[in-house]
Amino acid sequence: MQPKELEQWIGTQYGVSAEYPWAVSPENAVFRHRENKKWFALLLRVAGDKLGCPGTAPVWILNVKCDPLMIGSLCSMEGIYPAYHMNKTHWISIAMDDRVPRVLVQDLLDQSYASTASAPRRQKKR
């Protein structure tokens, strides 16, 4: 899944648009919930060596929040890495170069979206 295609899918699936908050890296995007403003995905362009890849050629990655119990097995797959610039216990980075199947990227986005959503409010007993 390529970056522009990903942005369109996220907009359709979750009803949110990419935000570009960094002047020093204007191509990097954040996707956040409307109601609580929490991030559920980041689309970043980073040097490949930041992920442990050979060379410094820039690569597009998608950071998503993930169940810590799944991170070890996911990071053993080609194209999935411990999170770049995020908490590596809860986040992973996915290379956006079609090595990771589209259906897996979408499933991981769904999980990230659900895990960062607001919890239902409890009614106070009076």
C-alpha atoms as a PDB file:
ATOM      1  CA  MET A   1       0.000   0.000   0.000  1.00  0.00           C
ATOM      2  CA  GLN A   2       1.469   3.316  -1.046  1.00  0.00           C
ATOM      3  CA  PRO A   3       1.227   6.538   1.057  1.00  0.00           C
ATOM      4  CA  LYS A   4      -1.418   8.386  -1.014  1.00  0.00           C
ATOM      5  CA  GLU A   5      -3.514   5.237  -1.291  1.00  0.00           C
ATOM      6  CA  LEU A   6      -3.212   4.780   2.480  1.00  0.00           C
ATOM      7  CA  GLU A   7      -4.379   8.359   3.141  1.00  0.00           C
ATOM      8  CA  GLN A   8      -7.445   7.799   0.972  1.00  0.00           C
ATOM      9  CA  TRP A   9      -8.275   4.503   2.681  1.00  0.00           C
ATOM     10  CA  ILE A  10      -7.945   6.041   6.170  1.00  0.00           C
ATOM     11  CA  GLY A  11     -10.198   8.945   5.151  1.00  0.00           C
ATOM     12  CA  THR A  12     -12.864   6.570   3.867  1.00  0.00           C
ATOM     13  CA  GLN A  13     -12.572   4.067   6.726  1.00  0.00           C
ATOM     14  CA  TYR A  14     -12.350   6.437   9.708  1.00  0.00           C
ATOM     15  CA  GLY A  15     -13.569   9.777   8.380  1.00  0.00           C
ATOM     16  CA  VAL A  16     -10.386  11.669   9.254  1.00  0.00           C
ATOM     17  CA  SER A  17      -7.838  13.555   7.172  1.00  0.00           C
ATOM     18  CA  ALA A  18      -4.079  13.624   7.474  1.00  0.00           C
ATOM     19  CA  GLU A  19      -2.597  16.463   9.503  1.00  0.00           C
ATOM     20  CA  TYR A  20       0.860  17.824   8.694  1.00  0.00           C
ATOM     21  CA  PRO A  21       2.073  19.389  11.966  1.00  0.00           C
ATOM     22  CA  TRP A  22       5.836  19.623  11.348  1.00  0.00           C
ATOM     23  CA  ALA A  23       7.306  22.481   9.330  1.00  0.00           C
ATOM     24  CA  VAL A  24      10.716  20.756   9.179  1.00  0.00           C
ATOM     25  CA  SER A  25       9.199  17.615   7.623  1.00  0.00           C
ATOM     26  CA  PRO A  26       6.025  18.741   5.865  1.00  0.00           C
ATOM     27  CA  GLU A  27       5.445  15.392   4.147  1.00  0.00           C
ATOM     28  CA  ASN A  28       5.060  13.524   7.469  1.00  0.00           C
ATOM     29  CA  ALA A  29       1.448  13.049   8.528  1.00  0.00           C
ATOM     30  CA  VAL A  30      -0.500  12.272  11.686  1.00  0.00           C
ATOM     31  CA  PHE A  31      -3.904  10.605  11.787  1.00  0.00           C
ATOM     32  CA  ARG A  32      -5.903  11.168  14.947  1.00  0.00           C
ATOM     33  CA  HIS A  33      -9.334  10.525  16.390  1.00  0.00           C
ATOM     34  CA  ARG A  34     -11.817  13.359  16.092  1.00  0.00           C
ATOM     35  CA  GLU A  35     -13.217  13.015  19.606  1.00  0.00           C
ATOM     36  CA  ASN A  36     -10.084  12.577  21.747  1.00  0.00           C
ATOM     37  CA  LYS A  37      -7.344  13.810  19.351  1.00  0.00           C
ATOM     38  CA  LYS A  38      -5.191  10.738  20.111  1.00  0.00           C
ATOM     39  CA  TRP A  39      -2.897   9.575  17.345  1.00  0.00           C
ATOM     40  CA  PHE A  40      -3.660   6.175  15.859  1.00  0.00           C
ATOM     41  CA  ALA A  41      -1.189   6.332  12.952  1.00  0.00           C
ATOM     42  CA  LEU A  42       1.804   8.305  11.703  1.00  0.00           C
ATOM     43  CA  LEU A  43       3.022   8.296   8.125  1.00  0.00           C
ATOM     44  CA  LEU A  44       6.719   9.201   8.025  1.00  0.00           C
ATOM     45  CA  ARG A  45       9.569   9.296   5.559  1.00  0.00           C
ATOM     46  CA  VAL A  46      12.810   8.251   7.265  1.00  0.00           C
ATOM     47  CA  ALA A  47      16.298   7.132   6.324  1.00  0.00           C
ATOM     48  CA  GLY A  48      16.385   3.360   5.893  1.00  0.00           C
ATOM     49  CA  ASP A  49      19.252   2.949   8.351  1.00  0.00           C
ATOM     50  CA  LYS A  50      16.961   4.260  11.129  1.00  0.00           C
ATOM     51  CA  LEU A  51      15.084   0.954  10.798  1.00  0.00           C
ATOM     52  CA  GLY A  52      18.197  -1.176  10.495  1.00  0.00           C
ATOM     53  CA  CYS A  53      17.978  -1.392   6.700  1.00  0.00           C
ATOM     54  CA  PRO A  54      21.150  -1.106   4.626  1.00  0.00           C
ATOM     55  CA  GLY A  55      21.826   2.354   3.259  1.00  0.00           C
ATOM     56  CA  THR A  56      20.282   5.716   3.995  1.00  0.00           C
ATOM     57  CA  ALA A  57      17.773   5.883   1.139  1.00  0.00           C
ATOM     58  CA  PRO A  58      14.500   7.322   2.474  1.00  0.00           C
ATOM     59  CA  VAL A  59      11.599   4.929   3.024  1.00  0.00           C
ATOM     60  CA  TRP A  60       7.955   5.569   3.887  1.00  0.00           C
ATOM     61  CA  ILE A  61       6.781   3.939   7.109  1.00  0.00           C
ATOM     62  CA  LEU A  62       3.506   3.779   8.961  1.00  0.00           C
ATOM     63  CA  ASN A  63       3.616   3.740  12.767  1.00  0.00           C
ATOM     64  CA  VAL A  64       0.627   2.082  14.439  1.00  0.00           C
ATOM     65  CA  LYS A  65      -0.193   1.130  18.011  1.00  0.00           C
ATOM     66  CA  CYS A  66      -0.208  -2.604  18.565  1.00  0.00           C
ATOM     67  CA  ASP A  67      -0.887  -5.190  21.268  1.00  0.00           C
ATOM     68  CA  PRO A  68       2.477  -5.744  23.008  1.00  0.00           C
ATOM     69  CA  LEU A  69       1.906  -9.515  22.838  1.00  0.00           C
ATOM     70  CA  MET A  70       1.884  -9.347  19.024  1.00  0.00           C
ATOM     71  CA  ILE A  71       4.899  -7.110  18.497  1.00  0.00           C
ATOM     72  CA  GLY A  72       7.559  -9.846  18.652  1.00  0.00           C
ATOM     73  CA  SER A  73       5.912 -12.036  16.038  1.00  0.00           C
ATOM     74  CA  LEU A  74       5.020  -9.080  13.809  1.00  0.00           C
ATOM     75  CA  CYS A  75       8.580  -7.734  13.894  1.00  0.00           C
ATOM     76  CA  SER A  76       9.842 -11.110  12.664  1.00  0.00           C
ATOM     77  CA  MET A  77       7.971 -10.470   9.396  1.00  0.00           C
ATOM     78  CA  GLU A  78       9.654  -8.741   6.478  1.00  0.00           C
ATOM     79  CA  GLY A  79       8.755  -5.041   6.351  1.00  0.00           C
ATOM     80  CA  ILE A  80       7.672  -4.680  10.005  1.00  0.00           C
ATOM     81  CA  TYR A  81      10.035  -3.138  12.548  1.00  0.00           C
ATOM     82  CA  PRO A  82      10.145  -1.941  16.148  1.00  0.00           C
ATOM     83  CA  ALA A  83       8.630   1.539  16.102  1.00  0.00           C
ATOM     84  CA  TYR A  84      10.706   4.428  14.859  1.00  0.00           C
ATOM     85  CA  HIS A  85      10.589   7.373  17.278  1.00  0.00           C
ATOM     86  CA  MET A  86       7.749   5.865  19.373  1.00  0.00           C
ATOM     87  CA  ASN A  87       7.368   3.582  22.400  1.00  0.00           C
ATOM     88  CA  LYS A  88       8.616   0.229  21.119  1.00  0.00           C
ATOM     89  CA  THR A  89       6.504  -1.648  23.675  1.00  0.00           C
ATOM     90  CA  HIS A  90       3.246  -0.469  22.096  1.00  0.00           C
ATOM     91  CA  TRP A  91       4.037   0.707  18.549  1.00  0.00           C
ATOM     92  CA  ILE A  92       5.453  -0.803  15.352  1.00  0.00           C
ATOM     93  CA  SER A  93       6.661   0.636  12.043  1.00  0.00           C
ATOM     94  CA  ILE A  94       5.413  -0.842   8.772  1.00  0.00           C
ATOM     95  CA  ALA A  95       7.378  -0.255   5.558  1.00  0.00           C
ATOM     96  CA  MET A  96       5.018   1.196   2.959  1.00  0.00           C
ATOM     97  CA  ASP A  97       6.676  -0.491  -0.011  1.00  0.00           C
ATOM     98  CA  ASP A  98       4.225  -3.355  -0.599  1.00  0.00           C
ATOM     99  CA  ARG A  99       6.243  -5.963   1.342  1.00  0.00           C
ATOM    100  CA  VAL A 100       3.465  -6.130   3.937  1.00  0.00           C
ATOM    101  CA  PRO A 101       0.125  -7.332   2.527  1.00  0.00           C
ATOM    102  CA  ARG A 102      -2.564  -4.658   2.265  1.00  0.00           C
ATOM    103  CA  VAL A 103      -5.019  -6.694   4.349  1.00  0.00           C
ATOM    104  CA  LEU A 104      -2.498  -6.902   7.221  1.00  0.00           C
ATOM    105  CA  VAL A 105      -1.807  -3.146   7.079  1.00  0.00           C
ATOM    106  CA  GLN A 106      -5.558  -2.474   7.214  1.00  0.00           C
ATOM    107  CA  ASP A 107      -6.051  -4.932  10.086  1.00  0.00           C
ATOM    108  CA  LEU A 108      -3.226  -3.336  12.085  1.00  0.00           C
ATOM    109  CA  LEU A 109      -4.715   0.112  11.427  1.00  0.00           C
ATOM    110  CA  ASP A 110      -8.103  -1.128  12.680  1.00  0.00           C
ATOM    111  CA  GLN A 111      -6.452  -2.430  15.857  1.00  0.00           C
ATOM    112  CA  SER A 112      -4.565   0.817  16.376  1.00  0.00           C
ATOM    113  CA  TYR A 113      -7.714   2.861  15.836  1.00  0.00           C
ATOM    114  CA  ALA A 114      -9.652   0.724  18.341  1.00  0.00           C
ATOM    115  CA  SER A 115      -6.907   0.761  20.978  1.00  0.00           C
ATOM    116  CA  THR A 116      -6.627   4.561  20.912  1.00  0.00           C
ATOM    117  CA  ALA A 117     -10.367   5.281  20.920  1.00  0.00           C
ATOM    118  CA  SER A 118     -12.026   6.881  23.930  1.00  0.00           C
ATOM    119  CA  ALA A 119     -13.392   4.452  26.467  1.00  0.00           C
ATOM    120  CA  PRO A 120     -17.155   4.622  26.969  1.00  0.00           C
ATOM    121  CA  ARG A 121     -18.034   6.910  29.854  1.00  0.00           C
ATOM    122  CA  ARG A 122     -19.515   5.317  32.924  1.00  0.00           C
ATOM    123  CA  GLN A 123     -22.734   6.657  34.353  1.00  0.00           C
ATOM    124  CA  LYS A 124     -22.429   7.943  37.903  1.00  0.00           C
ATOM    125  CA  LYS A 125     -24.796   6.306  40.345  1.00  0.00           C
ATOM    126  CA  ARG A 126     -26.773   8.790  42.365  1.00  0.00           C
END
